[in-house]
PDB file of N, CA and C in Angstrom:
ATOM      1  N   UNK A   1      24.026  15.484 -16.892  1.00  0.00           N
ATOM      2  CA  UNK A   1      22.971  14.493 -16.945  1.00  0.00           C
ATOM      3  C   UNK A   1      23.553  13.147 -16.529  1.00  0.00           C
ATOM      4  N   UNK A   2      22.791  12.358 -15.796  1.00  0.00           N
ATOM      5  CA  UNK A   2      23.234  11.061 -15.310  1.00  0.00           C
ATOM      6  C   UNK A   2      23.312  10.056 -16.448  1.00  0.00           C
ATOM      7  N   UNK A   3      24.258   9.091 -16.348  1.00  0.00           N
ATOM      8  CA  UNK A   3      24.347   8.053 -17.380  1.00  0.00           C
ATOM      9  C   UNK A   3      23.040   7.273 -17.463  1.00  0.00           C
ATOM     10  N   UNK A   4      22.617   6.986 -18.675  1.00  0.00           N
ATOM     11  CA  UNK A   4      21.402   6.209 -18.870  1.00  0.00           C
ATOM     12  C   UNK A   4      20.124   7.026 -18.803  1.00  0.00           C
ATOM     13  N   UNK A   5      20.241   8.319 -18.534  1.00  0.00           N
ATOM     14  CA  UNK A   5      19.037   9.142 -18.460  1.00  0.00           C
ATOM     15  C   UNK A   5      18.729   9.747 -19.824  1.00  0.00           C
ATOM     16  N   UNK A   6      17.492  10.119 -20.003  1.00  0.00           N
ATOM     17  CA  UNK A   6      17.038  10.709 -21.252  1.00  0.00           C
ATOM     18  C   UNK A   6      16.546  12.112 -20.947  1.00  0.00           C
ATOM     19  N   UNK A   7      16.951  13.060 -21.757  1.00  0.00           N
ATOM     20  CA  UNK A   7      16.505  14.438 -21.541  1.00  0.00           C
ATOM     21  C   UNK A   7      15.412  14.763 -22.550  1.00  0.00           C
ATOM     22  N   UNK A   8      14.321  15.291 -22.055  1.00  0.00           N
ATOM     23  CA  UNK A   8      13.251  15.750 -22.942  1.00  0.00           C
ATOM     24  C   UNK A   8      13.692  17.091 -23.494  1.00  0.00           C
ATOM     25  N   UNK A   9      13.949  17.123 -24.791  1.00  0.00           N
ATOM     26  CA  UNK A   9      14.479  18.318 -25.429  1.00  0.00           C
ATOM     27  C   UNK A   9      13.439  19.426 -25.446  1.00  0.00           C
ATOM     28  N   UNK A  10      12.224  19.076 -25.749  1.00  0.00           N
ATOM     29  CA  UNK A  10      11.183  20.086 -25.888  1.00  0.00           C
ATOM     30  C   UNK A  10      10.055  19.791 -24.894  1.00  0.00           C
ATOM     31  N   UNK A  11      10.181  20.332 -23.693  1.00  0.00           N
ATOM     32  CA  UNK A  11       9.180  20.076 -22.653  1.00  0.00           C
ATOM     33  C   UNK A  11       7.809  20.634 -23.040  1.00  0.00           C
ATOM     34  N   UNK A  12       7.802  21.727 -23.747  1.00  0.00           N
ATOM     35  CA  UNK A  12       6.533  22.329 -24.160  1.00  0.00           C
ATOM     36  C   UNK A  12       5.756  21.352 -25.041  1.00  0.00           C
ATOM     37  N   UNK A  13       6.447  20.708 -25.972  1.00  0.00           N
ATOM     38  CA  UNK A  13       5.785  19.718 -26.832  1.00  0.00           C
ATOM     39  C   UNK A  13       5.285  18.537 -26.019  1.00  0.00           C
ATOM     40  N   UNK A  14       6.080  18.111 -25.023  1.00  0.00           N
ATOM     41  CA  UNK A  14       5.662  16.995 -24.168  1.00  0.00           C
ATOM     42  C   UNK A  14       4.405  17.366 -23.387  1.00  0.00           C
ATOM     43  N   UNK A  15       4.365  18.572 -22.853  1.00  0.00           N
ATOM     44  CA  UNK A  15       3.192  19.038 -22.099  1.00  0.00           C
ATOM     45  C   UNK A  15       1.971  19.083 -23.008  1.00  0.00           C
ATOM     46  N   UNK A  16       2.142  19.600 -24.200  1.00  0.00           N
ATOM     47  CA  UNK A  16       1.022  19.673 -25.152  1.00  0.00           C
ATOM     48  C   UNK A  16       0.526  18.281 -25.520  1.00  0.00           C
ATOM     49  N   UNK A  17       1.442  17.328 -25.704  1.00  0.00           N
ATOM     50  CA  UNK A  17       1.045  15.954 -26.029  1.00  0.00           C
ATOM     51  C   UNK A  17       0.252  15.339 -24.879  1.00  0.00           C
ATOM     52  N   UNK A  18       0.690  15.593 -23.654  1.00  0.00           N
ATOM     53  CA  UNK A  18      -0.017  15.059 -22.480  1.00  0.00           C
ATOM     54  C   UNK A  18      -1.408  15.667 -22.383  1.00  0.00           C
ATOM     55  N   UNK A  19      -1.530  16.939 -22.701  1.00  0.00           N
ATOM     56  CA  UNK A  19      -2.836  17.603 -22.636  1.00  0.00           C
ATOM     57  C   UNK A  19      -3.839  16.991 -23.608  1.00  0.00           C
ATOM     58  N   UNK A  20      -3.347  16.384 -24.671  1.00  0.00           N
ATOM     59  CA  UNK A  20      -4.237  15.783 -25.665  1.00  0.00           C
ATOM     60  C   UNK A  20      -4.585  14.326 -25.355  1.00  0.00           C
ATOM     61  N   UNK A  21      -3.970  13.742 -24.335  1.00  0.00           N
ATOM     62  CA  UNK A  21      -4.249  12.341 -24.004  1.00  0.00           C
ATOM     63  C   UNK A  21      -5.611  12.194 -23.337  1.00  0.00           C
ATOM     64  N   UNK A  22      -6.243  11.072 -23.579  1.00  0.00           N
ATOM     65  CA  UNK A  22      -7.506  10.751 -22.928  1.00  0.00           C
ATOM     66  C   UNK A  22      -7.274  10.131 -21.560  1.00  0.00           C
ATOM     67  N   UNK A  23      -8.369   9.886 -20.855  1.00  0.00           N
ATOM     68  CA  UNK A  23      -8.280   9.358 -19.486  1.00  0.00           C
ATOM     69  C   UNK A  23      -7.539   8.031 -19.432  1.00  0.00           C
ATOM     70  N   UNK A  24      -7.864   7.110 -20.319  1.00  0.00           N
ATOM     71  CA  UNK A  24      -7.228   5.788 -20.307  1.00  0.00           C
ATOM     72  C   UNK A  24      -5.717   5.905 -20.520  1.00  0.00           C
ATOM     73  N   UNK A  25      -5.311   6.716 -21.474  1.00  0.00           N
ATOM     74  CA  UNK A  25      -3.884   6.909 -21.736  1.00  0.00           C
ATOM     75  C   UNK A  25      -3.186   7.607 -20.570  1.00  0.00           C
ATOM     76  N   UNK A  26      -3.865   8.570 -19.950  1.00  0.00           N
ATOM     77  CA  UNK A  26      -3.282   9.258 -18.795  1.00  0.00           C
ATOM     78  C   UNK A  26      -3.109   8.304 -17.618  1.00  0.00           C
ATOM     79  N   UNK A  27      -4.078   7.431 -17.381  1.00  0.00           N
ATOM     80  CA  UNK A  27      -3.952   6.446 -16.307  1.00  0.00           C
ATOM     81  C   UNK A  27      -2.792   5.494 -16.571  1.00  0.00           C
ATOM     82  N   UNK A  28      -2.640   5.072 -17.832  1.00  0.00           N
ATOM     83  CA  UNK A  28      -1.530   4.203 -18.203  1.00  0.00           C
ATOM     84  C   UNK A  28      -0.195   4.913 -17.968  1.00  0.00           C
ATOM     85  N   UNK A  29      -0.096   6.150 -18.426  1.00  0.00           N
ATOM     86  CA  UNK A  29       1.121   6.933 -18.247  1.00  0.00           C
ATOM     87  C   UNK A  29       1.416   7.145 -16.758  1.00  0.00           C
ATOM     88  N   UNK A  30       0.375   7.391 -15.974  1.00  0.00           N
ATOM     89  CA  UNK A  30       0.537   7.563 -14.526  1.00  0.00           C
ATOM     90  C   UNK A  30       1.121   6.304 -13.894  1.00  0.00           C
ATOM     91  N   UNK A  31       0.592   5.132 -14.276  1.00  0.00           N
ATOM     92  CA  UNK A  31       1.118   3.870 -13.727  1.00  0.00           C
ATOM     93  C   UNK A  31       2.593   3.706 -14.073  1.00  0.00           C
ATOM     94  N   UNK A  32       2.960   4.015 -15.314  1.00  0.00           N
ATOM     95  CA  UNK A  32       4.368   3.914 -15.718  1.00  0.00           C
ATOM     96  C   UNK A  32       5.257   4.835 -14.891  1.00  0.00           C
ATOM     97  N   UNK A  33       4.791   6.055 -14.686  1.00  0.00           N
ATOM     98  CA  UNK A  33       5.577   7.033 -13.933  1.00  0.00           C
ATOM     99  C   UNK A  33       5.710   6.604 -12.479  1.00  0.00           C
ATOM    100  N   UNK A  34       4.629   6.153 -11.863  1.00  0.00           N
ATOM    101  CA  UNK A  34       4.670   5.724 -10.467  1.00  0.00           C
ATOM    102  C   UNK A  34       5.615   4.527 -10.313  1.00  0.00           C
ATOM    103  N   UNK A  35       5.531   3.555 -11.221  1.00  0.00           N
ATOM    104  CA  UNK A  35       6.416   2.390 -11.155  1.00  0.00           C
ATOM    105  C   UNK A  35       7.875   2.808 -11.285  1.00  0.00           C
ATOM    106  N   UNK A  36       8.160   3.735 -12.189  1.00  0.00           N
ATOM    107  CA  UNK A  36       9.534   4.200 -12.385  1.00  0.00           C
ATOM    108  C   UNK A  36      10.050   4.926 -11.152  1.00  0.00           C
ATOM    109  N   UNK A  37       9.218   5.773 -10.552  1.00  0.00           N
ATOM    110  CA  UNK A  37       9.619   6.485  -9.336  1.00  0.00           C
ATOM    111  C   UNK A  37       9.867   5.518  -8.183  1.00  0.00           C
ATOM    112  N   UNK A  38       9.042   4.473  -8.070  1.00  0.00           N
ATOM    113  CA  UNK A  38       9.244   3.472  -7.029  1.00  0.00           C
ATOM    114  C   UNK A  38      10.557   2.720  -7.243  1.00  0.00           C
ATOM    115  N   UNK A  39      10.866   2.401  -8.485  1.00  0.00           N
ATOM    116  CA  UNK A  39      12.117   1.715  -8.804  1.00  0.00           C
ATOM    117  C   UNK A  39      13.325   2.586  -8.450  1.00  0.00           C
ATOM    118  N   UNK A  40      13.255   3.864  -8.776  1.00  0.00           N
ATOM    119  CA  UNK A  40      14.337   4.789  -8.439  1.00  0.00           C
ATOM    120  C   UNK A  40      14.502   4.889  -6.927  1.00  0.00           C
ATOM    121  N   UNK A  41      13.393   4.983  -6.207  1.00  0.00           N
ATOM    122  CA  UNK A  41      13.428   5.075  -4.743  1.00  0.00           C
ATOM    123  C   UNK A  41      14.028   3.813  -4.136  1.00  0.00           C
ATOM    124  N   UNK A  42      13.627   2.663  -4.642  1.00  0.00           N
ATOM    125  CA  UNK A  42      14.143   1.394  -4.125  1.00  0.00           C
ATOM    126  C   UNK A  42      15.644   1.276  -4.398  1.00  0.00           C
ATOM    127  N   UNK A  43      16.088   1.691  -5.569  1.00  0.00           N
ATOM    128  CA  UNK A  43      17.519   1.648  -5.895  1.00  0.00           C
ATOM    129  C   UNK A  43      18.306   2.560  -4.961  1.00  0.00           C
ATOM    130  N   UNK A  44      17.757   3.733  -4.677  1.00  0.00           N
ATOM    131  CA  UNK A  44      18.423   4.670  -3.760  1.00  0.00           C
ATOM    132  C   UNK A  44      18.528   4.066  -2.357  1.00  0.00           C
ATOM    133  N   UNK A  45      17.440   3.459  -1.887  1.00  0.00           N
ATOM    134  CA  UNK A  45      17.442   2.847  -0.553  1.00  0.00           C
ATOM    135  C   UNK A  45      18.438   1.689  -0.491  1.00  0.00           C
ATOM    136  N   UNK A  46      18.510   0.900  -1.561  1.00  0.00           N
ATOM    137  CA  UNK A  46      19.449  -0.224  -1.599  1.00  0.00           C
ATOM    138  C   UNK A  46      20.886   0.282  -1.536  1.00  0.00           C
ATOM    139  N   UNK A  47      21.171   1.352  -2.257  1.00  0.00           N
ATOM    140  CA  UNK A  47      22.508   1.939  -2.233  1.00  0.00           C
ATOM    141  C   UNK A  47      22.844   2.449  -0.832  1.00  0.00           C
ATOM    142  N   UNK A  48      21.902   3.140  -0.213  1.00  0.00           N
ATOM    143  CA  UNK A  48      22.130   3.645   1.148  1.00  0.00           C
ATOM    144  C   UNK A  48      22.290   2.509   2.145  1.00  0.00           C
ATOM    145  N   UNK A  49      21.574   1.407   1.919  1.00  0.00           N
ATOM    146  CA  UNK A  49      21.606   0.263   2.822  1.00  0.00           C
ATOM    147  C   UNK A  49      23.015  -0.334   2.908  1.00  0.00           C
ATOM    148  N   UNK A  50      23.779  -0.250   1.811  1.00  0.00           N
ATOM    149  CA  UNK A  50      25.124  -0.824   1.802  1.00  0.00           C
ATOM    150  C   UNK A  50      26.088  -0.065   2.714  1.00  0.00           C
ATOM    151  N   UNK A  51      25.686   1.090   3.196  1.00  0.00           N
ATOM    152  CA  UNK A  51      26.532   1.880   4.097  1.00  0.00           C
ATOM    153  C   UNK A  51      26.526   1.336   5.517  1.00  0.00           C
ATOM    154  N   UNK A  52      25.621   0.404   5.809  1.00  0.00           N
ATOM    155  CA  UNK A  52      25.453  -0.086   7.177  1.00  0.00           C
ATOM    156  C   UNK A  52      25.624  -1.604   7.243  1.00  0.00           C
ATOM    157  N   UNK A  53      26.098  -2.071   8.398  1.00  0.00           N
ATOM    158  CA  UNK A  53      26.192  -3.505   8.657  1.00  0.00           C
ATOM    159  C   UNK A  53      25.699  -3.785  10.069  1.00  0.00           C
ATOM    160  N   UNK A  54      25.354  -5.033  10.300  1.00  0.00           N
ATOM    161  CA  UNK A  54      24.885  -5.453  11.617  1.00  0.00           C
ATOM    162  C   UNK A  54      25.948  -5.110  12.665  1.00  0.00           C
ATOM    163  N   UNK A  55      25.504  -4.494  13.749  1.00  0.00           N
ATOM    164  CA  UNK A  55      26.402  -4.114  14.826  1.00  0.00           C
ATOM    165  C   UNK A  55      26.879  -2.678  14.778  1.00  0.00           C
ATOM    166  N   UNK A  56      26.657  -1.987  13.669  1.00  0.00           N
ATOM    167  CA  UNK A  56      27.031  -0.573  13.587  1.00  0.00           C
ATOM    168  C   UNK A  56      26.241   0.239  14.605  1.00  0.00           C
ATOM    169  N   UNK A  57      26.878   1.255  15.138  1.00  0.00           N
ATOM    170  CA  UNK A  57      26.180   2.201  16.016  1.00  0.00           C
ATOM    171  C   UNK A  57      25.689   3.343  15.137  1.00  0.00           C
ATOM    172  N   UNK A  58      24.395   3.628  15.241  1.00  0.00           N
ATOM    173  CA  UNK A  58      23.774   4.639  14.397  1.00  0.00           C
ATOM    174  C   UNK A  58      22.930   5.592  15.236  1.00  0.00           C
ATOM    175  N   UNK A  59      22.614   6.701  14.644  1.00  0.00           N
ATOM    176  CA  UNK A  59      21.728   7.670  15.275  1.00  0.00           C
ATOM    177  C   UNK A  59      20.661   8.099  14.290  1.00  0.00           C
ATOM    178  N   UNK A  60      19.530   8.543  14.821  1.00  0.00           N
ATOM    179  CA  UNK A  60      18.439   9.039  13.981  1.00  0.00           C
ATOM    180  C   UNK A  60      17.531   9.911  14.816  1.00  0.00           C
ATOM    181  N   UNK A  61      16.690  10.656  14.136  1.00  0.00           N
ATOM    182  CA  UNK A  61      15.736  11.531  14.817  1.00  0.00           C
ATOM    183  C   UNK A  61      14.338  10.929  14.653  1.00  0.00           C
ATOM    184  N   UNK A  62      13.590  10.843  15.755  1.00  0.00           N
ATOM    185  CA  UNK A  62      12.238  10.297  15.721  1.00  0.00           C
ATOM    186  C   UNK A  62      11.279  11.326  15.131  1.00  0.00           C
ATOM    187  N   UNK A  63      10.088  10.886  14.723  1.00  0.00           N
ATOM    188  CA  UNK A  63       9.110  11.842  14.179  1.00  0.00           C
ATOM    189  C   UNK A  63       8.768  12.981  15.139  1.00  0.00           C
ATOM    190  N   UNK A  64       8.876  12.724  16.453  1.00  0.00           N
ATOM    191  CA  UNK A  64       8.567  13.792  17.413  1.00  0.00           C
ATOM    192  C   UNK A  64       9.791  14.640  17.769  1.00  0.00           C
ATOM    193  N   UNK A  65      10.920  14.412  17.066  1.00  0.00           N
ATOM    194  CA  UNK A  65      12.084  15.265  17.229  1.00  0.00           C
ATOM    195  C   UNK A  65      13.162  14.780  18.178  1.00  0.00           C
ATOM    196  N   UNK A  66      12.940  13.646  18.849  1.00  0.00           N
ATOM    197  CA  UNK A  66      13.959  13.128  19.765  1.00  0.00           C
ATOM    198  C   UNK A  66      15.119  12.530  18.969  1.00  0.00           C
ATOM    199  N   UNK A  67      16.326  12.710  19.478  1.00  0.00           N
ATOM    200  CA  UNK A  67      17.506  12.089  18.865  1.00  0.00           C
ATOM    201  C   UNK A  67      17.790  10.790  19.618  1.00  0.00           C
ATOM    202  N   UNK A  68      17.840   9.687  18.871  1.00  0.00           N
ATOM    203  CA  UNK A  68      18.109   8.380  19.469  1.00  0.00           C
ATOM    204  C   UNK A  68      19.340   7.758  18.836  1.00  0.00           C
ATOM    205  N   UNK A  69      19.981   6.888  19.625  1.00  0.00           N
ATOM    206  CA  UNK A  69      21.110   6.112  19.122  1.00  0.00           C
ATOM    207  C   UNK A  69      20.868   4.657  19.467  1.00  0.00           C
ATOM    208  N   UNK A  70      21.506   3.786  18.672  1.00  0.00           N
ATOM    209  CA  UNK A  70      21.383   2.361  18.938  1.00  0.00           C
ATOM    210  C   UNK A  70      22.254   1.555  18.004  1.00  0.00           C
ATOM    211  N   UNK A  71      22.044   0.232  18.045  1.00  0.00           N
ATOM    212  CA  UNK A  71      22.821  -0.696  17.237  1.00  0.00           C
ATOM    213  C   UNK A  71      21.969  -1.292  16.131  1.00  0.00           C
ATOM    214  N   UNK A  72      22.572  -1.459  14.965  1.00  0.00           N
ATOM    215  CA  UNK A  72      21.893  -2.104  13.839  1.00  0.00           C
ATOM    216  C   UNK A  72      21.732  -3.583  14.168  1.00  0.00           C
ATOM    217  N   UNK A  73      20.483  -4.043  14.161  1.00  0.00           N
ATOM    218  CA  UNK A  73      20.193  -5.454  14.404  1.00  0.00           C
ATOM    219  C   UNK A  73      20.118  -6.242  13.108  1.00  0.00           C
ATOM    220  N   UNK A  74      19.483  -5.621  12.101  1.00  0.00           N
ATOM    221  CA  UNK A  74      19.195  -6.353  10.868  1.00  0.00           C
ATOM    222  C   UNK A  74      18.956  -5.376   9.725  1.00  0.00           C
ATOM    223  N   UNK A  75      19.380  -5.799   8.534  1.00  0.00           N
ATOM    224  CA  UNK A  75      19.082  -5.041   7.323  1.00  0.00           C
ATOM    225  C   UNK A  75      17.890  -5.709   6.657  1.00  0.00           C
ATOM    226  N   UNK A  76      16.764  -5.026   6.641  1.00  0.00           N
ATOM    227  CA  UNK A  76      15.545  -5.549   6.037  1.00  0.00           C
ATOM    228  C   UNK A  76      15.502  -5.154   4.564  1.00  0.00           C
ATOM    229  N   UNK A  77      14.404  -5.458   3.901  1.00  0.00           N
ATOM    230  CA  UNK A  77      14.286  -5.125   2.476  1.00  0.00           C
ATOM    231  C   UNK A  77      14.289  -3.615   2.249  1.00  0.00           C
ATOM    232  N   UNK A  78      13.525  -2.868   3.056  1.00  0.00           N
ATOM    233  CA  UNK A  78      13.414  -1.424   2.860  1.00  0.00           C
ATOM    234  C   UNK A  78      13.892  -0.605   4.053  1.00  0.00           C
ATOM    235  N   UNK A  79      14.043  -1.232   5.195  1.00  0.00           N
ATOM    236  CA  UNK A  79      14.408  -0.509   6.415  1.00  0.00           C
ATOM    237  C   UNK A  79      15.554  -1.217   7.136  1.00  0.00           C
ATOM    238  N   UNK A  80      16.051  -0.566   8.163  1.00  0.00           N
ATOM    239  CA  UNK A  80      17.081  -1.148   9.021  1.00  0.00           C
ATOM    240  C   UNK A  80      16.516  -1.205  10.431  1.00  0.00           C
ATOM    241  N   UNK A  81      16.577  -2.396  11.049  1.00  0.00           N
ATOM    242  CA  UNK A  81      16.108  -2.563  12.425  1.00  0.00           C
ATOM    243  C   UNK A  81      17.204  -2.099  13.371  1.00  0.00           C
ATOM    244  N   UNK A  82      16.824  -1.198  14.278  1.00  0.00           N
ATOM    245  CA  UNK A  82      17.773  -0.614  15.224  1.00  0.00           C
ATOM    246  C   UNK A  82      17.267  -0.840  16.642  1.00  0.00           C
ATOM    247  N   UNK A  83      18.141  -1.389  17.501  1.00  0.00           N
ATOM    248  CA  UNK A  83      17.843  -1.516  18.927  1.00  0.00           C
ATOM    249  C   UNK A  83      18.402  -0.272  19.603  1.00  0.00           C
ATOM    250  N   UNK A  84      17.515   0.564  20.131  1.00  0.00           N
ATOM    251  CA  UNK A  84      17.958   1.823  20.734  1.00  0.00           C
ATOM    252  C   UNK A  84      18.429   1.606  22.159  1.00  0.00           C
ATOM    253  N   UNK A  85      19.163   2.590  22.654  1.00  0.00           N
ATOM    254  CA  UNK A  85      19.722   2.507  24.000  1.00  0.00           C
ATOM    255  C   UNK A  85      18.642   2.453  25.073  1.00  0.00           C
ATOM    256  N   UNK A  86      17.433   2.923  24.769  1.00  0.00           N
ATOM    257  CA  UNK A  86      16.350   2.890  25.752  1.00  0.00           C
ATOM    258  C   UNK A  86      15.574   1.569  25.730  1.00  0.00           C
ATOM    259  N   UNK A  87      16.068   0.586  24.970  1.00  0.00           N
ATOM    260  CA  UNK A  87      15.464  -0.742  24.968  1.00  0.00           C
ATOM    261  C   UNK A  87      14.373  -0.973  23.947  1.00  0.00           C
ATOM    262  N   UNK A  88      14.122  -0.020  23.090  1.00  0.00           N
ATOM    263  CA  UNK A  88      13.095  -0.176  22.064  1.00  0.00           C
ATOM    264  C   UNK A  88      13.730  -0.589  20.736  1.00  0.00           C
ATOM    265  N   UNK A  89      12.887  -1.059  19.840  1.00  0.00           N
ATOM    266  CA  UNK A  89      13.349  -1.413  18.503  1.00  0.00           C
ATOM    267  C   UNK A  89      12.597  -0.571  17.478  1.00  0.00           C
ATOM    268  N   UNK A  90      13.326  -0.037  16.519  1.00  0.00           N
ATOM    269  CA  UNK A  90      12.769   0.803  15.471  1.00  0.00           C
ATOM    270  C   UNK A  90      13.164   0.236  14.117  1.00  0.00           C
ATOM    271  N   UNK A  91      12.275   0.354  13.149  1.00  0.00           N
ATOM    272  CA  UNK A  91      12.606   0.081  11.757  1.00  0.00           C
ATOM    273  C   UNK A  91      12.708   1.436  11.069  1.00  0.00           C
ATOM    274  N   UNK A  92      13.915   1.761  10.605  1.00  0.00           N
ATOM    275  CA  UNK A  92      14.210   3.106  10.113  1.00  0.00           C
ATOM    276  C   UNK A  92      14.691   3.036   8.659  1.00  0.00           C
ATOM    277  N   UNK A  93      14.208   3.946   7.838  1.00  0.00           N
ATOM    278  CA  UNK A  93      14.693   4.045   6.461  1.00  0.00           C
ATOM    279  C   UNK A  93      16.176   4.396   6.498  1.00  0.00           C
ATOM    280  N   UNK A  94      16.991   3.759   5.665  1.00  0.00           N
ATOM    281  CA  UNK A  94      18.442   4.002   5.714  1.00  0.00           C
ATOM    282  C   UNK A  94      18.826   5.456   5.478  1.00  0.00           C
ATOM    283  N   UNK A  95      18.034   6.198   4.745  1.00  0.00           N
ATOM    284  CA  UNK A  95      18.337   7.596   4.492  1.00  0.00           C
ATOM    285  C   UNK A  95      18.201   8.482   5.719  1.00  0.00           C
ATOM    286  N   UNK A  96      17.539   7.973   6.752  1.00  0.00           N
ATOM    287  CA  UNK A  96      17.337   8.753   7.976  1.00  0.00           C
ATOM    288  C   UNK A  96      18.383   8.440   9.045  1.00  0.00           C
ATOM    289  N   UNK A  97      19.254   7.459   8.776  1.00  0.00           N
ATOM    290  CA  UNK A  97      20.269   7.059   9.752  1.00  0.00           C
ATOM    291  C   UNK A  97      21.593   7.759   9.483  1.00  0.00           C
ATOM    292  N   UNK A  98      22.333   8.002  10.560  1.00  0.00           N
ATOM    293  CA  UNK A  98      23.705   8.474  10.416  1.00  0.00           C
ATOM    294  C   UNK A  98      24.609   7.507  11.170  1.00  0.00           C
ATOM    295  N   UNK A  99      25.711   7.157  10.555  1.00  0.00           N
ATOM    296  CA  UNK A  99      26.653   6.216  11.146  1.00  0.00           C
ATOM    297  C   UNK A  99      27.453   6.926  12.227  1.00  0.00           C
ATOM    298  N   UNK A 100      27.476   6.335  13.417  1.00  0.00           N
ATOM    299  CA  UNK A 100      28.249   6.901  14.519  1.00  0.00           C
ATOM    300  C   UNK A 100      29.557   6.133  14.671  1.00  0.00           C
ATOM    301  N   UNK A 101      29.472   4.796  14.627  1.00  0.00           N
ATOM    302  CA  UNK A 101      30.665   3.962  14.766  1.00  0.00           C
ATOM    303  C   UNK A 101      30.411   2.640  14.060  1.00  0.00           C
ATOM    304  N   UNK A 102      31.401   2.206  13.285  1.00  0.00           N
ATOM    305  CA  UNK A 102      31.253   0.925  12.588  1.00  0.00           C
ATOM    306  C   UNK A 102      31.405  -0.226  13.567  1.00  0.00           C
ATOM    307  N   UNK A 103      30.914  -1.387  13.165  1.00  0.00           N
ATOM    308  CA  UNK A 103      30.958  -2.575  14.020  1.00  0.00           C
ATOM    309  C   UNK A 103      32.363  -3.123  14.161  1.00  0.00           C
ATOM    310  N   UNK A 104      33.257  -2.710  13.299  1.00  0.00           N
ATOM    311  CA  UNK A 104      34.623  -3.222  13.350  1.00  0.00           C
ATOM    312  C   UNK A 104      34.945  -3.976  12.076  1.00  0.00           C
ATOM    313  N   UNK A 105      36.138  -4.589  12.040  1.00  0.00           N
ATOM    314  CA  UNK A 105      36.527  -5.348  10.857  1.00  0.00           C
ATOM    315  C   UNK A 105      35.529  -6.465  10.556  1.00  0.00           C
ATOM    316  N   UNK A 106      35.410  -6.869   9.290  1.00  0.00           N
ATOM    317  CA  UNK A 106      34.424  -7.882   8.895  1.00  0.00           C
ATOM    318  C   UNK A 106      34.467  -9.168   9.718  1.00  0.00           C
ATOM    319  N   UNK A 107      35.641  -9.598  10.177  1.00  0.00           N
ATOM    320  CA  UNK A 107      35.694 -10.846  10.933  1.00  0.00           C
ATOM    321  C   UNK A 107      34.997 -10.741  12.293  1.00  0.00           C
ATOM    322  N   UNK A 108      34.737  -9.520  12.762  1.00  0.00           N
ATOM    323  CA  UNK A 108      34.053  -9.338  14.050  1.00  0.00           C
ATOM    324  C   UNK A 108      32.554  -9.278  13.904  1.00  0.00           C
ATOM    325  N   UNK A 109      32.046  -9.190  12.691  1.00  0.00           N
ATOM    326  CA  UNK A 109      30.605  -8.972  12.464  1.00  0.00           C
ATOM    327  C   UNK A 109      29.843 -10.248  12.564  1.00  0.00           C
TER     328      UNK A 109
END
Protein backbone atom coordinates (compact mmCIF):
# COMPACT_ATOMS: atom_id res chain seq x y z
CA UNK A 1 0.00 0.00 0.00
CA UNK A 2 1.27 3.50 -0.83
CA UNK A 3 2.29 5.86 1.99
CA UNK A 4 -0.59 8.06 3.09
CA UNK A 5 -3.23 5.79 1.58
CA UNK A 6 -6.13 4.29 3.47
CA UNK A 7 -7.34 0.76 2.90
CA UNK A 8 -11.03 -0.01 3.23
CA UNK A 9 -10.96 -3.12 5.38
CA UNK A 10 -14.51 -4.19 4.71
CA UNK A 11 -15.55 -3.28 1.17
CA UNK A 12 -18.84 -5.11 1.56
CA UNK A 13 -19.82 -2.82 4.44
CA UNK A 14 -18.77 0.23 2.40
CA UNK A 15 -20.91 -0.92 -0.54
CA UNK A 16 -23.89 -1.51 1.75
CA UNK A 17 -23.47 1.95 3.31
CA UNK A 18 -23.38 3.55 -0.14
CA UNK A 19 -26.53 1.68 -1.14
CA UNK A 20 -28.35 3.29 1.78
CA UNK A 21 -27.34 6.86 0.86
CA UNK A 22 -29.88 9.25 -0.60
CA UNK A 23 -29.47 11.26 -3.79
CA UNK A 24 -28.08 14.37 -2.07
CA UNK A 25 -25.47 12.36 -0.16
CA UNK A 26 -24.52 10.39 -3.28
CA UNK A 27 -24.02 13.61 -5.26
CA UNK A 28 -21.84 14.99 -2.45
CA UNK A 29 -19.80 11.78 -2.33
CA UNK A 30 -19.48 11.84 -6.14
CA UNK A 31 -18.09 15.40 -6.05
CA UNK A 32 -15.54 14.37 -3.40
CA UNK A 33 -14.45 11.36 -5.43
CA UNK A 34 -14.17 13.32 -8.69
CA UNK A 35 -12.13 16.07 -6.99
CA UNK A 36 -9.80 13.48 -5.45
CA UNK A 37 -9.30 11.69 -8.78
CA UNK A 38 -8.53 15.02 -10.48
CA UNK A 39 -5.98 15.85 -7.78
CA UNK A 40 -4.30 12.46 -8.21
CA UNK A 41 -4.23 12.91 -12.00
CA UNK A 42 -2.76 16.41 -11.71
CA UNK A 43 -0.07 15.18 -9.29
CA UNK A 44 0.84 12.38 -11.71
CA UNK A 45 1.07 14.82 -14.63
CA UNK A 46 3.22 17.20 -12.58
CA UNK A 47 5.59 14.37 -11.69
CA UNK A 48 5.83 13.29 -15.33
CA UNK A 49 6.35 16.92 -16.39
CA UNK A 50 9.61 17.07 -14.39
CA UNK A 51 11.09 14.49 -16.78
CA UNK A 52 11.22 17.07 -19.58
CA UNK A 53 12.89 20.43 -20.16
CA UNK A 54 12.76 23.02 -22.90
CA UNK A 55 14.83 21.87 -25.87
CA UNK A 56 14.49 18.13 -25.23
CA UNK A 57 13.86 15.99 -28.29
CA UNK A 58 10.73 13.91 -27.77
CA UNK A 59 8.51 11.55 -29.67
CA UNK A 60 4.81 10.74 -29.47
CA UNK A 61 2.04 9.03 -31.37
CA UNK A 62 -0.83 11.10 -32.80
CA UNK A 63 -4.47 10.05 -32.35
CA UNK A 64 -4.46 8.75 -35.94
CA UNK A 65 -1.42 6.55 -35.24
CA UNK A 66 1.39 8.59 -36.81
CA UNK A 67 4.70 8.70 -34.93
CA UNK A 68 6.06 12.25 -34.64
CA UNK A 69 9.20 13.75 -33.18
CA UNK A 70 10.05 17.28 -32.21
CA UNK A 71 11.48 19.68 -29.66
CA UNK A 72 9.94 20.75 -26.36
CA UNK A 73 9.05 24.43 -26.64
CA UNK A 74 7.32 24.99 -23.33
CA UNK A 75 6.05 23.23 -20.23
CA UNK A 76 2.44 24.29 -19.72
CA UNK A 77 0.23 23.63 -16.70
CA UNK A 78 -1.13 20.30 -17.99
CA UNK A 79 0.60 19.72 -21.32
CA UNK A 80 3.94 20.15 -23.07
CA UNK A 81 4.16 22.22 -26.26
CA UNK A 82 6.15 20.39 -28.92
CA UNK A 83 7.34 21.78 -32.26
CA UNK A 84 7.36 18.80 -34.61
CA UNK A 85 9.79 18.23 -37.45
CA UNK A 86 6.98 18.84 -39.97
CA UNK A 87 6.55 22.42 -38.72
CA UNK A 88 3.44 21.96 -36.61
CA UNK A 89 2.95 22.58 -32.92
CA UNK A 90 1.22 20.12 -30.59
CA UNK A 91 0.20 20.32 -26.95
CA UNK A 92 0.78 16.81 -25.60
CA UNK A 93 0.11 15.27 -22.19
CA UNK A 94 3.48 14.40 -20.60
CA UNK A 95 2.45 10.77 -20.16
CA UNK A 96 2.22 10.38 -23.94
CA UNK A 97 5.76 11.65 -24.63
CA UNK A 98 8.96 9.64 -24.74
CA UNK A 99 12.34 11.30 -24.32
CA UNK A 100 14.63 10.79 -27.30
CA UNK A 101 17.48 13.15 -26.40
CA UNK A 102 17.98 15.64 -23.60
CA UNK A 103 18.68 19.29 -24.35
CA UNK A 104 22.09 19.04 -22.74
CA UNK A 105 23.60 20.32 -19.51
CA UNK A 106 21.51 22.93 -17.63
CA UNK A 107 23.76 25.82 -18.70
CA UNK A 108 22.77 25.17 -22.35
CA UNK A 109 19.02 25.32 -21.70
